[in-house]
Amino acid sequence: MKLMVEIDGQTVELRDAVWVAYRPCGCACSVMDADWGDGEVFATEDQARREWYPLKKDRDRSIKQGYRLELVTFRHYRQHIDILASCDVCKPKVAAA
């Protein structure tokens, strides 16, 4: 069975999509496959957020702090998103970690 999703008007298999997490400043900070190929899938933002933050208090805090998730195609991720890049706002925090 193929799970399909629509991303930016294009229908793609869920296995060809990834969830990208963004800091409040807009920098991408993490990425996760939407379909791990073992039956575990993350087709909705809620499912992805629960995987990243198993505790409700952590999910709520991430939303309150302005972290957001976006489902993109793997191709878009590889061509346009650099999770190692940091803006001037978060660069000092990333370097200190």
PDB file of N, CA and C in Angstrom:
ATOM      1  N   MET A   1       0.842  -1.178   0.000  1.00  0.00           N
ATOM      2  CA  MET A   1       0.000   0.000   0.000  1.00  0.00           C
ATOM      3  C   MET A   1       0.886   1.241   0.000  1.00  0.00           C
ATOM      4  N   LYS A   2       0.543   2.207  -0.821  1.00  0.00           N
ATOM      5  CA  LYS A   2       1.268   3.466  -0.894  1.00  0.00           C
ATOM      6  C   LYS A   2       0.445   4.548  -0.213  1.00  0.00           C
ATOM      7  N   LEU A   3       1.062   5.244   0.726  1.00  0.00           N
ATOM      8  CA  LEU A   3       0.418   6.402   1.339  1.00  0.00           C
ATOM      9  C   LEU A   3       0.848   7.633   0.562  1.00  0.00           C
ATOM     10  N   MET A   4      -0.134   8.397   0.144  1.00  0.00           N
ATOM     11  CA  MET A   4       0.131   9.579  -0.672  1.00  0.00           C
ATOM     12  C   MET A   4      -0.219  10.845   0.114  1.00  0.00           C
ATOM     13  N   VAL A   5       0.541  11.904  -0.123  1.00  0.00           N
ATOM     14  CA  VAL A   5       0.266  13.208   0.483  1.00  0.00           C
ATOM     15  C   VAL A   5       0.395  14.272  -0.594  1.00  0.00           C
ATOM     16  N   GLU A   6      -0.249  15.397  -0.351  1.00  0.00           N
ATOM     17  CA  GLU A   6      -0.126  16.522  -1.260  1.00  0.00           C
ATOM     18  C   GLU A   6       0.741  17.585  -0.606  1.00  0.00           C
ATOM     19  N   ILE A   7       1.799  17.970  -1.295  1.00  0.00           N
ATOM     20  CA  ILE A   7       2.716  18.999  -0.817  1.00  0.00           C
ATOM     21  C   ILE A   7       2.855  20.042  -1.913  1.00  0.00           C
ATOM     22  N   ASP A   8       2.479  21.261  -1.601  1.00  0.00           N
ATOM     23  CA  ASP A   8       2.564  22.354  -2.580  1.00  0.00           C
ATOM     24  C   ASP A   8       1.896  22.006  -3.899  1.00  0.00           C
ATOM     25  N   GLY A   9       0.726  21.374  -3.822  1.00  0.00           N
ATOM     26  CA  GLY A   9      -0.049  21.043  -5.013  1.00  0.00           C
ATOM     27  C   GLY A   9       0.436  19.815  -5.762  1.00  0.00           C
ATOM     28  N   GLN A  10       1.458  19.157  -5.246  1.00  0.00           N
ATOM     29  CA  GLN A  10       2.007  17.973  -5.895  1.00  0.00           C
ATOM     30  C   GLN A  10       1.723  16.748  -5.029  1.00  0.00           C
ATOM     31  N   THR A  11       1.195  15.683  -5.633  1.00  0.00           N
ATOM     32  CA  THR A  11       0.933  14.447  -4.912  1.00  0.00           C
ATOM     33  C   THR A  11       2.180  13.576  -4.972  1.00  0.00           C
ATOM     34  N   VAL A  12       2.673  13.184  -3.779  1.00  0.00           N
ATOM     35  CA  VAL A  12       3.881  12.360  -3.678  1.00  0.00           C
ATOM     36  C   VAL A  12       3.637  11.255  -2.666  1.00  0.00           C
ATOM     37  N   GLU A  13       4.444  10.202  -2.758  1.00  0.00           N
ATOM     38  CA  GLU A  13       4.373   9.154  -1.744  1.00  0.00           C
ATOM     39  C   GLU A  13       4.920   9.693  -0.433  1.00  0.00           C
ATOM     40  N   LEU A  14       4.316   9.290   0.661  1.00  0.00           N
ATOM     41  CA  LEU A  14       4.764   9.740   1.970  1.00  0.00           C
ATOM     42  C   LEU A  14       6.224   9.357   2.204  1.00  0.00           C
ATOM     43  N   ARG A  15       6.653   8.237   1.642  1.00  0.00           N
ATOM     44  CA  ARG A  15       8.046   7.814   1.830  1.00  0.00           C
ATOM     45  C   ARG A  15       9.033   8.771   1.154  1.00  0.00           C
ATOM     46  N   ASP A  16       8.547   9.649   0.292  1.00  0.00           N
ATOM     47  CA  ASP A  16       9.392  10.639  -0.383  1.00  0.00           C
ATOM     48  C   ASP A  16       9.291  12.012   0.274  1.00  0.00           C
ATOM     49  N   ALA A  17       8.815  12.037   1.527  1.00  0.00           N
ATOM     50  CA  ALA A  17       8.646  13.302   2.246  1.00  0.00           C
ATOM     51  C   ALA A  17       9.371  13.258   3.587  1.00  0.00           C
ATOM     52  N   VAL A  18       9.726  14.427   4.080  1.00  0.00           N
ATOM     53  CA  VAL A  18      10.371  14.556   5.384  1.00  0.00           C
ATOM     54  C   VAL A  18       9.720  15.708   6.144  1.00  0.00           C
ATOM     55  N   TRP A  19       9.780  15.615   7.455  1.00  0.00           N
ATOM     56  CA  TRP A  19       9.342  16.707   8.318  1.00  0.00           C
ATOM     57  C   TRP A  19      10.573  17.512   8.705  1.00  0.00           C
ATOM     58  N   VAL A  20      10.485  18.820   8.548  1.00  0.00           N
ATOM     59  CA  VAL A  20      11.565  19.718   8.939  1.00  0.00           C
ATOM     60  C   VAL A  20      11.076  20.543  10.123  1.00  0.00           C
ATOM     61  N   ALA A  21      11.904  20.602  11.161  1.00  0.00           N
ATOM     62  CA  ALA A  21      11.595  21.432  12.331  1.00  0.00           C
ATOM     63  C   ALA A  21      12.360  22.742  12.194  1.00  0.00           C
ATOM     64  N   TYR A  22      11.675  23.837  12.498  1.00  0.00           N
ATOM     65  CA  TYR A  22      12.269  25.172  12.414  1.00  0.00           C
ATOM     66  C   TYR A  22      12.272  25.844  13.776  1.00  0.00           C
ATOM     67  N   ARG A  23      13.367  26.509  14.090  1.00  0.00           N
ATOM     68  CA  ARG A  23      13.456  27.327  15.304  1.00  0.00           C
ATOM     69  C   ARG A  23      12.551  28.543  15.141  1.00  0.00           C
ATOM     70  N   PRO A  24      12.272  29.243  16.232  1.00  0.00           N
ATOM     71  CA  PRO A  24      11.445  30.454  16.148  1.00  0.00           C
ATOM     72  C   PRO A  24      12.019  31.506  15.191  1.00  0.00           C
ATOM     73  N   CYS A  25      13.349  31.543  15.029  1.00  0.00           N
ATOM     74  CA  CYS A  25      13.975  32.521  14.137  1.00  0.00           C
ATOM     75  C   CYS A  25      13.804  32.150  12.667  1.00  0.00           C
ATOM     76  N   GLY A  26      13.379  30.900  12.391  1.00  0.00           N
ATOM     77  CA  GLY A  26      13.176  30.461  11.019  1.00  0.00           C
ATOM     78  C   GLY A  26      14.229  29.499  10.508  1.00  0.00           C
ATOM     79  N   CYS A  27      15.294  29.279  11.278  1.00  0.00           N
ATOM     80  CA  CYS A  27      16.338  28.327  10.865  1.00  0.00           C
ATOM     81  C   CYS A  27      15.846  26.895  11.040  1.00  0.00           C
ATOM     82  N   ALA A  28      16.130  26.065  10.047  1.00  0.00           N
ATOM     83  CA  ALA A  28      15.826  24.638  10.164  1.00  0.00           C
ATOM     84  C   ALA A  28      16.794  24.036  11.173  1.00  0.00           C
ATOM     85  N   CYS A  29      16.273  23.178  12.055  1.00  0.00           N
ATOM     86  CA  CYS A  29      17.140  22.627  13.102  1.00  0.00           C
ATOM     87  C   CYS A  29      17.116  21.107  13.172  1.00  0.00           C
ATOM     88  N   SER A  30      16.171  20.459  12.502  1.00  0.00           N
ATOM     89  CA  SER A  30      16.092  19.007  12.560  1.00  0.00           C
ATOM     90  C   SER A  30      15.232  18.505  11.404  1.00  0.00           C
ATOM     91  N   VAL A  31      15.445  17.247  11.055  1.00  0.00           N
ATOM     92  CA  VAL A  31      14.667  16.648   9.968  1.00  0.00           C
ATOM     93  C   VAL A  31      14.382  15.196  10.319  1.00  0.00           C
ATOM     94  N   MET A  32      13.223  14.702   9.869  1.00  0.00           N
ATOM     95  CA  MET A  32      12.813  13.325  10.159  1.00  0.00           C
ATOM     96  C   MET A  32      12.035  12.779   8.966  1.00  0.00           C
ATOM     97  N   ASP A  33      12.337  11.550   8.572  1.00  0.00           N
ATOM     98  CA  ASP A  33      11.568  10.899   7.511  1.00  0.00           C
ATOM     99  C   ASP A  33      10.112  10.781   7.932  1.00  0.00           C
ATOM    100  N   ALA A  34       9.199  10.994   6.985  1.00  0.00           N
ATOM    101  CA  ALA A  34       7.777  10.866   7.268  1.00  0.00           C
ATOM    102  C   ALA A  34       7.333   9.404   7.271  1.00  0.00           C
ATOM    103  N   ASP A  35       8.084   8.545   6.608  1.00  0.00           N
ATOM    104  CA  ASP A  35       7.780   7.111   6.545  1.00  0.00           C
ATOM    105  C   ASP A  35       9.082   6.361   6.703  1.00  0.00           C
ATOM    106  N   TRP A  36       9.228   5.655   7.804  1.00  0.00           N
ATOM    107  CA  TRP A  36      10.480   4.967   8.096  1.00  0.00           C
ATOM    108  C   TRP A  36      10.601   3.636   7.373  1.00  0.00           C
ATOM    109  N   GLY A  37       9.546   3.235   6.653  1.00  0.00           N
ATOM    110  CA  GLY A  37       9.600   1.990   5.898  1.00  0.00           C
ATOM    111  C   GLY A  37       9.359   0.741   6.718  1.00  0.00           C
ATOM    112  N   ASP A  38       9.067   0.912   7.998  1.00  0.00           N
ATOM    113  CA  ASP A  38       8.833  -0.243   8.873  1.00  0.00           C
ATOM    114  C   ASP A  38       7.396  -0.273   9.386  1.00  0.00           C
ATOM    115  N   GLY A  39       6.530   0.501   8.740  1.00  0.00           N
ATOM    116  CA  GLY A  39       5.142   0.576   9.173  1.00  0.00           C
ATOM    117  C   GLY A  39       4.854   1.781  10.040  1.00  0.00           C
ATOM    118  N   GLU A  40       5.900   2.404  10.564  1.00  0.00           N
ATOM    119  CA  GLU A  40       5.712   3.608  11.385  1.00  0.00           C
ATOM    120  C   GLU A  40       5.751   4.821  10.467  1.00  0.00           C
ATOM    121  N   VAL A  41       4.650   5.557  10.438  1.00  0.00           N
ATOM    122  CA  VAL A  41       4.553   6.727   9.561  1.00  0.00           C
ATOM    123  C   VAL A  41       4.134   7.952  10.371  1.00  0.00           C
ATOM    124  N   PHE A  42       4.491   9.102   9.827  1.00  0.00           N
ATOM    125  CA  PHE A  42       4.152  10.383  10.446  1.00  0.00           C
ATOM    126  C   PHE A  42       3.535  11.249   9.348  1.00  0.00           C
ATOM    127  N   ALA A  43       2.243  11.040   9.141  1.00  0.00           N
ATOM    128  CA  ALA A  43       1.546  11.699   8.037  1.00  0.00           C
ATOM    129  C   ALA A  43       1.000  13.067   8.422  1.00  0.00           C
ATOM    130  N   THR A  44       0.856  13.330   9.715  1.00  0.00           N
ATOM    131  CA  THR A  44       0.307  14.613  10.152  1.00  0.00           C
ATOM    132  C   THR A  44       1.315  15.346  11.030  1.00  0.00           C
ATOM    133  N   GLU A  45       1.127  16.635  11.141  1.00  0.00           N
ATOM    134  CA  GLU A  45       2.009  17.423  12.004  1.00  0.00           C
ATOM    135  C   GLU A  45       1.931  16.929  13.442  1.00  0.00           C
ATOM    136  N   ASP A  46       0.752  16.581  13.899  1.00  0.00           N
ATOM    137  CA  ASP A  46       0.591  16.087  15.264  1.00  0.00           C
ATOM    138  C   ASP A  46       1.389  14.798  15.478  1.00  0.00           C
ATOM    139  N   GLN A  47       1.334  13.881  14.523  1.00  0.00           N
ATOM    140  CA  GLN A  47       2.102  12.633  14.640  1.00  0.00           C
ATOM    141  C   GLN A  47       3.604  12.916  14.684  1.00  0.00           C
ATOM    142  N   ALA A  48       4.065  13.824  13.848  1.00  0.00           N
ATOM    143  CA  ALA A  48       5.487  14.171  13.827  1.00  0.00           C
ATOM    144  C   ALA A  48       5.894  14.841  15.138  1.00  0.00           C
ATOM    145  N   ARG A  49       5.097  15.764  15.614  1.00  0.00           N
ATOM    146  CA  ARG A  49       5.423  16.472  16.855  1.00  0.00           C
ATOM    147  C   ARG A  49       5.453  15.495  18.035  1.00  0.00           C
ATOM    148  N   ARG A  50       4.551  14.525  18.046  1.00  0.00           N
ATOM    149  CA  ARG A  50       4.542  13.528  19.124  1.00  0.00           C
ATOM    150  C   ARG A  50       5.809  12.656  19.083  1.00  0.00           C
ATOM    151  N   GLU A  51       6.337  12.413  17.898  1.00  0.00           N
ATOM    152  CA  GLU A  51       7.572  11.644  17.791  1.00  0.00           C
ATOM    153  C   GLU A  51       8.761  12.459  18.322  1.00  0.00           C
ATOM    154  N   TRP A  52       8.802  13.745  17.957  1.00  0.00           N
ATOM    155  CA  TRP A  52       9.888  14.604  18.433  1.00  0.00           C
ATOM    156  C   TRP A  52       9.778  14.883  19.922  1.00  0.00           C
ATOM    157  N   TYR A  53       8.556  15.099  20.370  1.00  0.00           N
ATOM    158  CA  TYR A  53       8.305  15.466  21.775  1.00  0.00           C
ATOM    159  C   TYR A  53       7.290  14.506  22.375  1.00  0.00           C
ATOM    160  N   PRO A  54       7.711  13.376  22.927  1.00  0.00           N
ATOM    161  CA  PRO A  54       6.762  12.392  23.465  1.00  0.00           C
ATOM    162  C   PRO A  54       5.894  12.937  24.606  1.00  0.00           C
ATOM    163  N   LEU A  55       6.415  13.874  25.390  1.00  0.00           N
ATOM    164  CA  LEU A  55       5.641  14.425  26.509  1.00  0.00           C
ATOM    165  C   LEU A  55       4.816  15.621  26.057  1.00  0.00           C
ATOM    166  N   LYS A  56       3.552  15.646  26.469  1.00  0.00           N
ATOM    167  CA  LYS A  56       2.657  16.735  26.085  1.00  0.00           C
ATOM    168  C   LYS A  56       3.199  18.089  26.515  1.00  0.00           C
ATOM    169  N   LYS A  57       3.780  18.162  27.706  1.00  0.00           N
ATOM    170  CA  LYS A  57       4.304  19.451  28.183  1.00  0.00           C
ATOM    171  C   LYS A  57       5.417  19.953  27.255  1.00  0.00           C
ATOM    172  N   ASP A  58       6.212  19.047  26.699  1.00  0.00           N
ATOM    173  CA  ASP A  58       7.265  19.449  25.772  1.00  0.00           C
ATOM    174  C   ASP A  58       6.684  19.886  24.427  1.00  0.00           C
ATOM    175  N   ARG A  59       5.637  19.196  23.969  1.00  0.00           N
ATOM    176  CA  ARG A  59       4.967  19.612  22.728  1.00  0.00           C
ATOM    177  C   ARG A  59       4.369  20.993  22.895  1.00  0.00           C
ATOM    178  N   ASP A  60       3.682  21.203  24.002  1.00  0.00           N
ATOM    179  CA  ASP A  60       3.060  22.506  24.256  1.00  0.00           C
ATOM    180  C   ASP A  60       4.108  23.608  24.331  1.00  0.00           C
ATOM    181  N   ARG A  61       5.230  23.328  24.998  1.00  0.00           N
ATOM    182  CA  ARG A  61       6.291  24.322  25.133  1.00  0.00           C
ATOM    183  C   ARG A  61       6.895  24.656  23.767  1.00  0.00           C
ATOM    184  N   SER A  62       7.101  23.630  22.933  1.00  0.00           N
ATOM    185  CA  SER A  62       7.689  23.891  21.617  1.00  0.00           C
ATOM    186  C   SER A  62       6.779  24.792  20.775  1.00  0.00           C
ATOM    187  N   ILE A  63       5.486  24.564  20.872  1.00  0.00           N
ATOM    188  CA  ILE A  63       4.522  25.406  20.141  1.00  0.00           C
ATOM    189  C   ILE A  63       4.542  26.821  20.703  1.00  0.00           C
ATOM    190  N   LYS A  64       4.516  26.943  22.015  1.00  0.00           N
ATOM    191  CA  LYS A  64       4.520  28.260  22.661  1.00  0.00           C
ATOM    192  C   LYS A  64       5.789  29.038  22.322  1.00  0.00           C
ATOM    193  N   GLN A  65       6.914  28.348  22.230  1.00  0.00           N
ATOM    194  CA  GLN A  65       8.185  29.004  21.919  1.00  0.00           C
ATOM    195  C   GLN A  65       8.320  29.352  20.435  1.00  0.00           C
ATOM    196  N   GLY A  66       7.431  28.825  19.613  1.00  0.00           N
ATOM    197  CA  GLY A  66       7.441  29.189  18.199  1.00  0.00           C
ATOM    198  C   GLY A  66       8.125  28.205  17.265  1.00  0.00           C
ATOM    199  N   TYR A  67       8.438  27.005  17.771  1.00  0.00           N
ATOM    200  CA  TYR A  67       8.987  25.984  16.880  1.00  0.00           C
ATOM    201  C   TYR A  67       7.865  25.509  15.970  1.00  0.00           C
ATOM    202  N   ARG A  68       8.184  25.278  14.702  1.00  0.00           N
ATOM    203  CA  ARG A  68       7.155  24.812  13.771  1.00  0.00           C
ATOM    204  C   ARG A  68       7.688  23.658  12.941  1.00  0.00           C
ATOM    205  N   LEU A  69       6.776  22.875  12.410  1.00  0.00           N
ATOM    206  CA  LEU A  69       7.116  21.730  11.566  1.00  0.00           C
ATOM    207  C   LEU A  69       6.518  21.938  10.188  1.00  0.00           C
ATOM    208  N   GLU A  70       7.230  21.450   9.189  1.00  0.00           N
ATOM    209  CA  GLU A  70       6.747  21.556   7.817  1.00  0.00           C
ATOM    210  C   GLU A  70       7.064  20.265   7.082  1.00  0.00           C
ATOM    211  N   LEU A  71       6.078  19.737   6.370  1.00  0.00           N
ATOM    212  CA  LEU A  71       6.260  18.551   5.537  1.00  0.00           C
ATOM    213  C   LEU A  71       6.695  19.017   4.152  1.00  0.00           C
ATOM    214  N   VAL A  72       7.859  18.521   3.706  1.00  0.00           N
ATOM    215  CA  VAL A  72       8.387  18.880   2.390  1.00  0.00           C
ATOM    216  C   VAL A  72       8.845  17.605   1.690  1.00  0.00           C
ATOM    217  N   THR A  73       8.987  17.697   0.392  1.00  0.00           N
ATOM    218  CA  THR A  73       9.520  16.542  -0.326  1.00  0.00           C
ATOM    219  C   THR A  73      11.000  16.394   0.011  1.00  0.00           C
ATOM    220  N   PHE A  74      11.482  15.163  -0.069  1.00  0.00           N
ATOM    221  CA  PHE A  74      12.897  14.920   0.191  1.00  0.00           C
ATOM    222  C   PHE A  74      13.750  15.706  -0.798  1.00  0.00           C
ATOM    223  N   ARG A  75      13.297  15.770  -2.015  1.00  0.00           N
ATOM    224  CA  ARG A  75      14.026  16.525  -3.046  1.00  0.00           C
ATOM    225  C   ARG A  75      14.139  17.996  -2.667  1.00  0.00           C
ATOM    226  N   HIS A  76      13.044  18.601  -2.216  1.00  0.00           N
ATOM    227  CA  HIS A  76      13.066  20.011  -1.791  1.00  0.00           C
ATOM    228  C   HIS A  76      14.036  20.184  -0.617  1.00  0.00           C
ATOM    229  N   TYR A  77      13.974  19.261   0.325  1.00  0.00           N
ATOM    230  CA  TYR A  77      14.874  19.326   1.476  1.00  0.00           C
ATOM    231  C   TYR A  77      16.334  19.314   1.026  1.00  0.00           C
ATOM    232  N   ARG A  78      16.683  18.378   0.159  1.00  0.00           N
ATOM    233  CA  ARG A  78      18.081  18.257  -0.292  1.00  0.00           C
ATOM    234  C   ARG A  78      18.539  19.480  -1.086  1.00  0.00           C
ATOM    235  N   GLN A  79      17.637  20.103  -1.809  1.00  0.00           N
ATOM    236  CA  GLN A  79      18.017  21.222  -2.673  1.00  0.00           C
ATOM    237  C   GLN A  79      17.978  22.577  -1.976  1.00  0.00           C
ATOM    238  N   HIS A  80      17.119  22.722  -0.940  1.00  0.00           N
ATOM    239  CA  HIS A  80      16.876  24.070  -0.420  1.00  0.00           C
ATOM    240  C   HIS A  80      17.046  24.268   1.083  1.00  0.00           C
ATOM    241  N   ILE A  81      17.208  23.202   1.835  1.00  0.00           N
ATOM    242  CA  ILE A  81      17.225  23.362   3.294  1.00  0.00           C
ATOM    243  C   ILE A  81      18.555  22.868   3.842  1.00  0.00           C
ATOM    244  N   ASP A  82      19.177  23.690   4.660  1.00  0.00           N
ATOM    245  CA  ASP A  82      20.456  23.347   5.269  1.00  0.00           C
ATOM    246  C   ASP A  82      20.291  23.419   6.781  1.00  0.00           C
ATOM    247  N   ILE A  83      20.181  22.263   7.445  1.00  0.00           N
ATOM    248  CA  ILE A  83      19.974  22.294   8.892  1.00  0.00           C
ATOM    249  C   ILE A  83      21.246  22.654   9.645  1.00  0.00           C
ATOM    250  N   LEU A  84      22.368  22.704   8.961  1.00  0.00           N
ATOM    251  CA  LEU A  84      23.610  23.117   9.614  1.00  0.00           C
ATOM    252  C   LEU A  84      23.819  24.627   9.568  1.00  0.00           C
ATOM    253  N   ALA A  85      23.059  25.314   8.731  1.00  0.00           N
ATOM    254  CA  ALA A  85      23.177  26.768   8.647  1.00  0.00           C
ATOM    255  C   ALA A  85      22.479  27.403   9.839  1.00  0.00           C
ATOM    256  N   SER A  86      23.021  28.500  10.297  1.00  0.00           N
ATOM    257  CA  SER A  86      22.425  29.226  11.417  1.00  0.00           C
ATOM    258  C   SER A  86      22.424  30.717  11.108  1.00  0.00           C
ATOM    259  N   CYS A  87      21.367  31.374  11.531  1.00  0.00           N
ATOM    260  CA  CYS A  87      21.300  32.820  11.342  1.00  0.00           C
ATOM    261  C   CYS A  87      22.076  33.506  12.474  1.00  0.00           C
ATOM    262  N   ASP A  88      22.179  34.811  12.426  1.00  0.00           N
ATOM    263  CA  ASP A  88      22.899  35.564  13.458  1.00  0.00           C
ATOM    264  C   ASP A  88      22.223  35.472  14.818  1.00  0.00           C
ATOM    265  N   VAL A  89      20.923  35.185  14.834  1.00  0.00           N
ATOM    266  CA  VAL A  89      20.194  35.086  16.097  1.00  0.00           C
ATOM    267  C   VAL A  89      20.543  33.791  16.833  1.00  0.00           C
ATOM    268  N   CYS A  90      20.552  32.676  16.116  1.00  0.00           N
ATOM    269  CA  CYS A  90      20.763  31.393  16.795  1.00  0.00           C
ATOM    270  C   CYS A  90      22.192  30.878  16.697  1.00  0.00           C
ATOM    271  N   LYS A  91      23.044  31.468  15.872  1.00  0.00           N
ATOM    272  CA  LYS A  91      24.423  30.987  15.713  1.00  0.00           C
ATOM    273  C   LYS A  91      25.169  30.913  17.039  1.00  0.00           C
ATOM    274  N   PRO A  92      25.099  31.951  17.904  1.00  0.00           N
ATOM    275  CA  PRO A  92      25.804  31.842  19.195  1.00  0.00           C
ATOM    276  C   PRO A  92      25.268  30.705  20.054  1.00  0.00           C
ATOM    277  N   LYS A  93      23.977  30.440  20.019  1.00  0.00           N
ATOM    278  CA  LYS A  93      23.376  29.366  20.814  1.00  0.00           C
ATOM    279  C   LYS A  93      23.822  28.004  20.285  1.00  0.00           C
ATOM    280  N   VAL A  94      23.890  27.847  18.967  1.00  0.00           N
ATOM    281  CA  VAL A  94      24.295  26.585  18.366  1.00  0.00           C
ATOM    282  C   VAL A  94      25.767  26.328  18.673  1.00  0.00           C
ATOM    283  N   ALA A  95      26.590  27.349  18.589  1.00  0.00           N
ATOM    284  CA  ALA A  95      28.024  27.204  18.837  1.00  0.00           C
ATOM    285  C   ALA A  95      28.302  26.837  20.291  1.00  0.00           C
ATOM    286  N   ALA A  96      27.462  27.325  21.197  1.00  0.00           N
ATOM    287  CA  ALA A  96      27.654  27.070  22.615  1.00  0.00           C
ATOM    288  C   ALA A  96      27.193  25.675  23.021  1.00  0.00           C
ATOM    289  N   ALA A  97      26.336  25.074  22.225  1.00  0.00           N
ATOM    290  CA  ALA A  97      25.764  23.757  22.579  1.00  0.00           C
ATOM    291  C   ALA A  97      26.759  22.634  22.479  1.00  0.00           C
TER     292      ALA A  97
END
